[in-house]
Protein backbone atom coordinates (compact mmCIF):
# COMPACT_ATOMS: atom_id res chain seq x y z
CA MET A 1 18.57 8.74 0.12
CA SER A 2 16.83 6.92 -2.75
CA ALA A 3 14.71 8.71 -5.32
CA LYS A 4 11.58 7.10 -3.92
CA MET A 5 12.51 8.27 -0.43
CA LYS A 6 12.97 11.83 -1.67
CA ARG A 7 9.68 11.72 -3.53
CA TRP A 8 7.86 10.41 -0.45
CA LEU A 9 9.40 12.82 1.98
CA THR A 10 8.82 15.86 -0.23
CA THR A 11 5.11 15.06 -0.35
CA GLY A 12 4.71 15.48 3.39
CA LEU A 13 2.15 18.23 2.83
CA VAL A 14 -0.18 15.63 1.34
CA LEU A 15 0.09 13.63 4.56
CA ALA A 16 -0.71 16.73 6.57
CA ALA A 17 -3.88 17.28 4.60
CA SER A 18 -4.94 13.65 4.83
CA THR A 19 -4.42 13.64 8.60
CA SER A 20 -7.00 16.37 9.01
CA LEU A 21 -9.54 14.24 7.15
CA VAL A 22 -9.13 11.01 9.08
CA LEU A 23 -11.74 11.88 11.69
CA GLY A 24 -14.43 11.15 9.14
CA VAL A 25 -13.11 7.68 8.29
CA SER A 26 -13.92 4.48 10.19
CA SER A 27 -12.48 0.98 10.48
CA VAL A 28 -8.92 2.08 11.10
CA PRO A 29 -6.56 -0.62 12.46
CA ALA A 30 -6.45 -0.55 16.25
CA ASN A 31 -3.76 -1.45 18.73
CA ALA A 32 -4.23 0.17 22.12
CA GLN A 33 -1.04 1.81 23.28
CA PRO A 34 -0.08 5.11 24.92
CA LEU A 35 0.02 8.17 22.74
CA PRO A 36 3.62 8.85 21.67
CA GLN A 37 5.37 12.04 22.54
CA THR A 38 4.93 14.69 19.89
CA PRO A 39 8.20 15.53 18.13
CA GLY A 40 9.29 18.94 19.34
CA SER A 41 11.79 21.29 17.79
CA LEU A 42 13.72 20.50 14.65
CA PRO A 43 17.28 19.19 14.98
CA ALA A 44 19.97 21.82 14.76
CA ALA A 45 20.99 22.63 11.20
CA PRO A 46 24.44 21.34 10.23
CA GLU A 47 27.18 23.88 9.68
CA ILE A 48 27.29 24.09 5.90
CA PRO A 49 30.69 25.05 4.48
CA SER A 50 30.97 28.59 3.19
CA GLN A 51 32.14 29.55 -0.28
CA GLN A 52 35.48 30.49 1.23
CA ASP A 53 35.73 27.03 2.82
CA ILE A 54 35.16 25.44 -0.58
CA ALA A 55 37.69 27.72 -2.23
CA ASN A 56 40.30 26.91 0.43
CA ALA A 57 39.62 23.19 0.12
CA LYS A 58 40.35 23.25 -3.60
CA LYS A 59 43.95 24.38 -3.02
CA ASN A 60 45.24 20.82 -2.63
CA GLN A 61 44.00 17.27 -3.07
CA ALA A 62 44.07 16.39 0.62
CA SER A 63 41.94 19.37 1.57
CA THR A 64 39.53 18.63 -1.25
CA SER A 65 39.11 15.01 -0.18
CA ALA A 66 38.58 16.01 3.42
CA GLU A 67 35.94 18.58 2.48
CA VAL A 68 34.17 16.07 0.22
CA GLY A 69 34.01 13.60 3.11
CA LYS A 70 32.66 16.29 5.42
CA ILE A 71 29.91 17.27 2.98
CA GLU A 72 28.92 13.65 2.34
CA GLY A 73 28.70 13.21 6.11
CA LEU A 74 26.40 16.22 6.36
CA ILE A 75 24.12 14.76 3.67
CA ASP A 76 24.03 11.43 5.50
CA SER A 77 23.24 13.18 8.78
CA GLY A 78 20.33 14.94 7.09
CA ASN A 79 19.00 11.61 5.86
CA GLN A 80 19.18 10.16 9.35
CA SER A 81 17.25 13.12 10.72
CA LEU A 82 14.56 12.53 8.12
CA GLN A 83 14.37 8.87 9.06
CA THR A 84 13.95 9.77 12.73
CA SER A 85 11.30 12.35 11.92
CA MET A 86 9.48 9.93 9.64
CA THR A 87 9.40 7.21 12.29
CA ALA A 88 8.08 9.66 14.89
CA SER A 89 5.39 10.88 12.50
CA MET A 90 4.34 7.34 11.64
CA LYS A 91 3.98 6.53 15.33
CA THR A 92 1.76 9.52 15.97
CA ASN A 93 -0.30 8.75 12.89
CA ASP A 94 -0.74 5.17 14.07
CA ALA A 95 -1.72 6.37 17.53
CA TYR A 96 -4.31 8.60 15.87
CA SER A 97 -5.64 5.67 13.85
CA THR A 98 -5.81 3.56 16.99
CA ALA A 99 -7.71 6.31 18.80
CA LEU A 100 -10.12 6.57 15.88
CA VAL A 101 -10.92 2.88 15.81
CA THR A 102 -11.32 2.90 19.58
CA LEU A 103 -13.75 5.76 19.14
CA GLN A 104 -15.61 3.81 16.49
CA ASP A 105 -15.80 0.75 18.73
CA LYS A 106 -17.00 2.79 21.70
CA GLN A 107 -19.60 4.57 19.60
CA GLY A 108 -20.82 1.23 18.28
CA ALA A 109 -20.99 -0.18 21.79
CA ALA A 110 -22.91 2.88 22.96
CA LYS A 111 -25.36 2.52 20.10
CA ASP A 112 -25.91 -1.17 20.86
CA ALA A 113 -26.33 -0.44 24.57
CA GLN A 114 -28.87 2.25 23.84
CA ALA A 115 -30.82 -0.10 21.58
CA LYS A 116 -30.85 -2.80 24.25
CA ALA A 117 -31.93 -0.29 26.88
CA ALA A 118 -34.74 0.97 24.64
CA ALA A 119 -35.99 -2.59 24.05
CA ALA A 120 -35.82 -3.35 27.78
CA ILE A 121 -37.76 -0.19 28.60
CA LYS A 122 -40.43 -1.18 26.09
CA THR A 123 -40.71 -4.64 27.66
CA SER A 124 -40.80 -3.13 31.13
CA ASP A 125 -43.56 -0.71 30.11
CA LYS A 126 -45.59 -3.59 28.74
CA ALA A 127 -45.19 -5.57 31.98
CA ARG A 128 -46.05 -2.52 34.04
CA ASN A 129 -49.24 -1.99 31.99
CA ALA A 130 -50.20 -5.60 32.69
CA VAL A 131 -49.79 -4.97 36.42
CA GLY A 132 -51.89 -1.87 36.10
CA GLN A 133 -54.69 -3.76 34.42
CA LEU A 134 -54.52 -6.48 37.04
CA ALA A 135 -54.57 -3.91 39.86
CA SER A 136 -57.61 -2.24 38.32
CA THR A 137 -59.47 -5.56 38.14
CA ILE A 138 -58.61 -6.41 41.73
CA TYR A 139 -59.81 -3.03 42.90
CA LYS A 140 -63.15 -3.26 41.04
CA THR A 141 -63.97 -6.87 41.87
CA GLY A 142 -62.50 -7.18 45.33
CA GLY A 143 -59.83 -9.57 44.16
CA LEU A 144 -61.73 -11.62 41.55
CA ASN A 145 -62.50 -10.59 38.02
CA PRO A 146 -66.00 -11.47 36.67
CA SER A 147 -64.91 -14.61 34.85
CA ILE A 148 -63.28 -16.02 37.97
CA GLU A 149 -66.26 -15.12 40.13
CA SER A 150 -68.62 -16.85 37.68
CA PHE A 151 -66.38 -19.87 37.66
CA VAL A 152 -66.31 -20.13 41.45
CA THR A 153 -70.06 -19.66 41.93
CA GLY A 154 -71.03 -21.87 38.99
CA GLY A 155 -72.55 -25.27 39.06
CA SER A 156 -69.44 -27.28 38.61
CA GLY A 157 -69.21 -30.07 41.15
CA ASP A 158 -65.51 -30.78 40.57
CA VAL A 159 -64.02 -29.18 43.67
CA LEU A 160 -60.50 -30.34 42.83
CA TYR A 161 -60.76 -28.90 39.35
CA GLN A 162 -61.89 -25.58 40.78
CA ALA A 163 -59.05 -25.55 43.27
CA SER A 164 -56.36 -26.33 40.70
CA THR A 165 -57.70 -23.67 38.34
CA LEU A 166 -57.73 -21.00 41.06
CA SER A 167 -54.18 -21.99 41.97
CA MET A 168 -53.10 -21.53 38.35
CA LEU A 169 -54.78 -18.14 38.19
CA GLY A 170 -52.96 -17.12 41.35
CA ALA A 171 -49.65 -18.23 39.87
CA ASN A 172 -50.32 -16.23 36.72
CA ARG A 173 -51.11 -13.17 38.85
CA SER A 174 -47.86 -13.66 40.76
CA LYS A 175 -45.95 -14.03 37.50
CA THR A 176 -47.37 -10.74 36.27
CA PHE A 177 -45.99 -8.96 39.30
CA ASP A 178 -42.63 -10.81 39.07
CA ASP A 179 -42.29 -10.00 35.36
CA ALA A 180 -42.91 -6.34 36.03
CA LYS A 181 -40.30 -6.29 38.78
CA SER A 182 -37.62 -8.15 36.81
CA THR A 183 -38.12 -6.21 33.58
CA ALA A 184 -37.95 -2.94 35.48
CA ALA A 185 -34.66 -4.00 37.05
CA THR A 186 -33.30 -5.09 33.67
CA ALA A 187 -34.32 -1.82 32.05
CA SER A 188 -32.67 0.17 34.83
CA ALA A 189 -29.44 -1.80 34.54
CA LEU A 190 -29.33 -1.45 30.76
CA LYS A 191 -30.01 2.28 30.99
CA ASP A 192 -27.02 2.59 33.33
CA ALA A 193 -24.91 0.51 30.96
CA ALA A 194 -25.94 2.72 28.03
CA ALA A 195 -24.99 5.83 29.98
CA GLN A 196 -21.58 4.33 30.82
CA ALA A 197 -21.05 3.30 27.20
CA GLN A 198 -21.84 6.81 26.02
CA GLN A 199 -19.43 8.24 28.56
CA ALA A 200 -16.73 5.90 27.27
CA ALA A 201 -17.47 7.05 23.72
CA ASP A 202 -17.20 10.68 24.77
CA GLU A 203 -13.85 10.01 26.42
CA ALA A 204 -12.65 8.17 23.31
CA ALA A 205 -13.61 11.19 21.23
CA LYS A 206 -11.45 13.42 23.45
CA THR A 207 -8.55 10.97 23.14
CA ALA A 208 -8.93 10.99 19.37
CA GLU A 209 -8.82 14.77 19.30
CA THR A 210 -5.63 14.74 21.37
CA ALA A 211 -4.09 12.15 19.06
CA LYS A 212 -5.08 14.22 16.04
CA SER A 213 -3.33 17.26 17.46
CA GLN A 214 -0.19 15.23 18.05
CA ALA A 215 -0.31 13.72 14.56
CA ASP A 216 -0.77 17.15 13.01
CA ALA A 217 2.17 18.50 15.01
CA ALA A 218 4.38 15.58 13.96
CA VAL A 219 3.51 16.01 10.29
CA ALA A 220 4.12 19.75 10.51
CA ALA A 221 7.52 19.16 12.10
CA GLN A 222 8.39 16.63 9.43
CA ASN A 223 7.30 18.95 6.61
CA ALA A 224 9.50 21.70 7.99
CA LEU A 225 12.43 19.30 8.24
CA ILE A 226 11.82 18.05 4.69
CA ALA A 227 11.95 21.59 3.32
CA LYS A 228 15.06 22.47 5.30
CA ASN A 229 16.83 19.23 4.37
CA GLN A 230 16.06 19.67 0.67
CA GLN A 231 17.53 23.18 0.69
CA GLN A 232 20.65 21.98 2.47
CA ARG A 233 20.98 18.98 0.15
CA THR A 234 20.83 21.23 -2.93
CA VAL A 235 23.57 23.48 -1.54
CA LEU A 236 25.76 20.59 -0.44
CA ILE A 237 25.52 18.73 -3.75
CA GLY A 238 26.39 21.95 -5.55
CA GLN A 239 29.46 22.28 -3.35
CA LEU A 240 30.45 18.70 -4.15
CA ALA A 241 30.19 19.49 -7.84
CA THR A 242 32.44 22.52 -7.33
CA LEU A 243 35.01 20.53 -5.37
CA LYS A 244 35.08 17.66 -7.85
CA ASN A 245 34.75 19.79 -11.00
CA THR A 246 31.66 17.90 -12.13
CA THR A 247 27.98 18.84 -12.29
CA ALA A 248 25.22 18.87 -9.74
CA ALA A 249 23.33 16.26 -11.75
CA LEU A 250 26.27 13.85 -11.70
CA GLU A 251 26.90 14.40 -8.02
CA SER A 252 23.23 13.89 -7.20
CA ALA A 253 23.25 10.58 -9.08
CA ARG A 254 26.48 9.51 -7.38
CA ILE A 255 25.15 10.33 -3.90
CA THR A 256 21.88 8.53 -4.65
CA GLY A 257 23.84 5.45 -5.72
CA LEU A 258 25.83 5.51 -2.49
CA GLU A 259 22.63 5.84 -0.49
CA GLN A 260 21.11 2.83 -2.24
CA GLN A 261 24.21 0.81 -1.42
CA LYS A 262 23.90 1.80 2.23
CA GLU A 263 20.22 0.79 2.24
CA ALA A 264 21.11 -2.63 0.83
CA ALA A 265 23.89 -3.07 3.39
CA ARG A 266 21.57 -2.05 6.22
CA LEU A 267 18.99 -4.64 5.14
CA ALA A 268 21.67 -7.32 4.88
CA ALA A 269 22.80 -6.50 8.42
CA LEU A 270 19.21 -6.73 9.73
CA ILE A 271 18.75 -10.11 8.08
CA GLU A 272 22.03 -11.39 9.48
CA ALA A 273 21.20 -10.10 12.98
CA SER A 274 17.80 -11.82 12.88
CA LYS A 275 19.54 -15.20 12.93
CA LYS A 276 20.57 -14.55 16.54
CA GLN A 277 17.48 -12.67 17.66
CA PRO A 278 15.44 -14.51 20.34
CA ALA A 279 11.98 -15.73 19.42
CA PRO A 280 9.54 -12.86 20.06
CA THR A 281 6.76 -12.96 22.65
CA PRO A 282 3.31 -11.60 21.72
CA PRO A 283 1.98 -8.73 23.82
CA ALA A 284 -0.65 -9.65 26.38
CA THR A 285 -3.27 -7.47 24.67
CA SER A 286 -3.18 -9.09 21.23
CA ASN A 287 -6.61 -10.13 19.97
CA PRO A 288 -6.84 -13.73 18.76
CA VAL A 289 -8.93 -14.53 15.70
CA THR A 290 -9.51 -18.02 14.37
CA SER A 291 -8.41 -18.47 10.78
CA ASN A 292 -10.72 -20.50 8.57
CA PRO A 293 -9.03 -21.38 5.28
CA VAL A 294 -11.21 -22.59 2.42
CA ASN A 295 -10.33 -24.09 -0.92
CA ASN A 296 -11.22 -21.21 -3.22
CA GLN A 297 -8.35 -20.58 -5.60
CA PRO A 298 -8.35 -17.14 -7.25
CA ALA A 299 -6.35 -16.85 -10.42
CA VAL A 300 -2.90 -15.38 -9.90
CA VAL A 301 -2.58 -11.84 -11.22
CA ASN A 302 0.88 -10.41 -11.78
CA PRO A 303 0.75 -6.65 -12.46
CA PRO A 304 3.99 -4.90 -13.36
CA VAL A 305 6.36 -4.40 -10.46
CA THR A 306 6.92 -0.74 -9.71
CA THR A 307 10.36 0.49 -8.77
CA PRO A 308 11.59 3.80 -7.42
CA GLN A 309 11.59 6.64 -9.90
CA THR A 310 14.79 7.85 -11.50
CA PRO A 311 16.56 10.25 -9.16
CA VAL A 312 15.52 13.86 -9.58
CA THR A 313 18.47 15.93 -10.64
CA THR A 314 19.45 18.87 -8.52
CA PRO A 315 19.61 22.28 -10.33
CA LYS A 316 23.08 23.39 -11.26
CA PRO A 317 24.55 25.86 -8.73
CA THR A 318 24.89 29.48 -9.76
CA THR A 319 28.61 29.51 -9.00
CA PRO A 320 30.57 29.77 -12.29
CA LYS A 321 31.63 26.35 -13.45
CA PRO A 322 35.38 25.74 -13.32
CA PRO A 323 37.10 23.75 -16.04
CA VAL A 324 36.12 20.11 -15.96
CA THR A 325 38.97 17.82 -15.09
CA THR A 326 38.20 14.18 -14.40
CA THR A 327 34.59 13.00 -14.14
CA PRO A 328 34.23 10.10 -11.67
CA PRO A 329 32.15 7.17 -12.92
CA VAL A 330 28.61 6.97 -11.59
CA THR A 331 27.79 3.60 -10.05
CA THR A 332 24.03 3.93 -9.67
CA PRO A 333 22.57 0.39 -9.53
CA PRO A 334 20.50 -0.39 -12.66
CA VAL A 335 16.75 -0.74 -12.27
CA THR A 336 15.69 -4.29 -13.12
CA THR A 337 12.43 -6.18 -12.96
CA PRO A 338 12.93 -9.37 -10.92
CA PRO A 339 11.52 -12.68 -12.10
CA VAL A 340 8.31 -13.98 -10.57
CA THR A 341 8.96 -16.00 -7.43
CA THR A 342 7.42 -19.47 -7.30
CA PRO A 343 5.33 -19.57 -4.13
CA PRO A 344 5.83 -22.48 -1.73
CA SER A 345 3.08 -24.94 -0.96
CA SER A 346 0.99 -24.05 2.11
CA GLY A 347 -2.23 -25.03 3.81
CA VAL A 348 -3.41 -21.49 3.14
CA ASN A 349 -3.76 -20.31 -0.44
CA ILE A 350 -0.83 -17.91 -0.19
CA SER A 351 -0.60 -17.58 -3.96
CA GLY A 352 -4.20 -16.42 -4.13
CA MET A 353 -3.66 -14.05 -1.21
CA VAL A 354 -0.63 -12.41 -2.84
CA SER A 355 -2.48 -12.37 -6.16
CA PHE A 356 -5.26 -10.34 -4.58
CA ALA A 357 -2.83 -7.82 -3.10
CA MET A 358 -0.91 -7.54 -6.39
CA SER A 359 -4.14 -6.92 -8.27
CA LYS A 360 -4.60 -3.76 -6.18
CA VAL A 361 -1.22 -2.28 -7.14
CA GLY A 362 -1.71 1.22 -8.46
CA GLY A 363 -4.84 1.75 -6.37
CA PRO A 364 -5.20 4.45 -3.72
CA TYR A 365 -4.25 4.39 -0.07
CA VAL A 366 -7.32 5.17 2.04
CA TRP A 367 -7.19 5.71 5.79
CA GLY A 368 -9.04 2.81 7.37
CA GLY A 369 -9.78 1.33 3.96
CA THR A 370 -10.64 -2.34 3.52
CA GLY A 371 -11.68 -2.09 -0.13
CA PRO A 372 -12.87 -2.61 -2.66
CA VAL A 373 -11.36 0.66 -3.93
CA GLY A 374 -8.86 1.81 -1.32
CA TYR A 375 -6.92 0.23 1.54
CA ASP A 376 -4.60 1.09 4.38
CA CYS A 377 -1.65 -1.18 5.18
CA SER A 378 -3.41 -3.70 7.41
CA GLY A 379 -6.66 -3.31 5.49
CA LEU A 380 -4.97 -4.61 2.36
CA ILE A 381 -3.61 -7.64 4.23
CA TRP A 382 -6.96 -8.25 5.93
CA ALA A 383 -8.79 -8.19 2.59
CA ALA A 384 -6.14 -10.29 0.81
CA PHE A 385 -6.41 -13.12 3.34
CA ARG A 386 -10.19 -12.78 3.46
CA SER A 387 -10.28 -13.33 -0.32
CA VAL A 388 -8.95 -16.85 0.27
CA GLY A 389 -11.22 -17.58 3.23
CA VAL A 390 -8.87 -16.72 6.10
CA ASN A 391 -10.11 -14.39 8.83
CA LEU A 392 -7.40 -12.17 10.24
CA PRO A 393 -7.66 -9.44 12.88
CA ARG A 394 -8.10 -5.95 11.51
CA GLY A 395 -5.05 -4.37 13.17
CA GLY A 396 -1.56 -4.90 11.79
CA SER A 397 0.01 -5.85 15.13
CA ASP A 398 -2.71 -8.44 15.78
CA GLN A 399 -2.27 -9.78 12.25
CA PHE A 400 1.41 -10.32 12.98
CA TRP A 401 1.00 -11.89 16.43
CA ASN A 402 -1.93 -14.14 15.52
CA ALA A 403 0.09 -15.90 12.83
CA PRO A 404 0.71 -19.56 13.72
CA THR A 405 4.39 -19.24 12.72
CA ARG A 406 6.99 -16.50 13.06
CA VAL A 407 10.47 -16.85 11.58
CA PRO A 408 13.63 -14.69 11.51
CA LEU A 409 14.03 -12.42 8.51
CA SER A 410 16.77 -14.74 7.34
CA GLN A 411 14.01 -17.32 6.70
CA MET A 412 11.32 -15.02 5.29
CA ARG A 413 9.56 -16.22 2.19
CA TYR A 414 6.83 -15.38 -0.29
CA GLY A 415 3.59 -14.37 1.44
CA ASP A 416 5.03 -13.60 4.89
CA ILE A 417 3.90 -10.49 6.77
CA LEU A 418 6.64 -8.02 7.66
CA ALA A 419 6.23 -5.44 10.41
CA PHE A 420 7.80 -2.05 10.99
CA ASN A 421 8.32 0.45 13.81
CA ASP A 422 8.13 -1.80 16.85
CA ASN A 423 8.23 0.47 19.90
CA GLY A 424 9.46 -2.26 22.21
CA SER A 425 6.00 -3.30 23.38
CA GLY A 426 5.17 -5.55 20.46
CA PHE A 427 3.01 -3.07 18.55
CA PHE A 428 3.71 -1.99 14.98
CA THR A 429 2.77 1.04 12.93
CA HIS A 430 3.09 -0.55 9.48
CA VAL A 431 2.80 -3.99 7.90
CA ALA A 432 3.52 -5.28 4.38
CA ILE A 433 3.49 -8.54 2.40
CA TYR A 434 6.81 -9.99 1.30
CA ILE A 435 6.66 -11.23 -2.31
CA GLY A 436 10.22 -12.47 -2.71
CA ASN A 437 13.19 -11.02 -4.59
CA GLY A 438 13.72 -8.44 -1.87
CA GLN A 439 10.40 -6.70 -2.41
CA VAL A 440 7.10 -6.10 -0.62
CA VAL A 441 3.61 -5.18 -1.80
CA GLN A 442 1.97 -2.69 0.51
CA ALA A 443 -0.44 0.17 1.01
CA LEU A 444 2.16 2.68 2.06
CA ASN A 445 0.68 6.15 2.35
CA PRO A 446 -1.69 8.54 0.56
CA SER A 447 0.98 9.82 -1.83
CA ASP A 448 2.40 6.44 -2.95
CA GLY A 449 -0.79 4.40 -2.70
CA ILE A 450 -0.55 0.63 -3.17
CA ALA A 451 2.77 -0.34 -4.69
CA VAL A 452 5.58 -2.86 -4.87
CA THR A 453 8.62 -1.49 -3.04
CA PRO A 454 12.22 -2.66 -2.53
CA LEU A 455 12.58 -3.90 1.03
CA SER A 456 16.01 -2.30 1.27
CA TRP A 457 14.36 1.11 1.00
CA MET A 458 12.12 0.13 3.95
CA SER A 459 14.97 -1.12 6.12
CA GLY A 460 15.41 2.26 7.77
CA MET A 461 11.85 2.21 9.07
CA ALA A 462 12.73 -0.06 12.02
CA LEU A 463 12.03 -3.30 10.18
CA TYR A 464 11.23 -5.98 12.77
CA GLY A 465 13.58 -8.96 12.93
CA TYR A 466 10.86 -11.59 12.45
CA ALA A 467 8.28 -12.34 9.76
CA ALA A 468 4.79 -13.74 10.38
CA ARG A 469 3.54 -16.70 8.36
CA TYR A 470 0.03 -18.12 7.86
């Protein structure tokens, strides 16, 4: 497990707090899909070797090697449990975000429907008043108002003119009645529509509350697992140090290096498998949006690339330290800053789009944010493309599926959109921008904010086998 992974997972309490605040935030990416099942009980704790087990294993080299392999397996199993818990939590958080944006849309529709109904009622009232005035005139004059009566009994000798005028007046009277009838019907229909829209908004609010409860439960389960895993990891690394006659700090660094190698191998396997993966089919519910590129060319900004922090050393175990024999070399990969990738030519100003996203590195993650201060994952992509005149959908899944081109990961390039956590229906819970050299720029979560991250570290988050290209 990389240092960045440990830092992210141990800040799960921050995610729990942010989840409780999301109800007050709007414009969250939306992709309608069923609420996921809330993660239930924690996985069973592994059987950690006892002190006697460690002492027995040190009696000969074969036993020591076997015990070391067992402990490393337990650490790896703990990492896999964290990955599973993290994926489940991200799904529930995404479902909550989807429910919130649905609620926002329904509330907006209800507001618009109420405004239209109010305007229709006002028009209907005006037409009804006109009918009332006309009825009053008819009642008082026996069917003719004074001006008409004067006209008819006047001295005009143009009989045809009088006839055509009376016909026009009759048509106007008929129109008054027709207008009153039609506006009343329109007002009634719009009042019904407003009531239905409000009912839909109320139901969306209930759905959002249910999704919030599930997201809170998922975060709570993950926080508990994080705490338990960290305790177990500390004990296990201490036992490794005892078995190998080294220190907890050295063993922690060695294990972290092995985990980084596994992450890189996992990414390489995903990329290789993408070569044989069939072309994906968009879900039927994706929302098309026409892209309108323009020729504005923002200057490219290249902020420093952030890399995972140095692994946090594990405290030395309290067991008395035996004499140090041979210290195994630590093969932790060095942290390097990759050179800037030269972007390919494209009809869309991809360089300007990536430049915009990179200029936000170091800024905060904000639920539902589309800037200018904070962003969520799809909000950052939406704003980045908008800065170069391209209109994308607001939701991450729709951003991916509305791209004119999708290619296997083996062909991904600078500026492509990568998606994570596909649940088999074509919907994603996270999106990021690939910037080359095995890295992505993304709005990850409230604790990490907007950052550049190694893609290998993200490979365990169900990285989708295709990239989207505009």
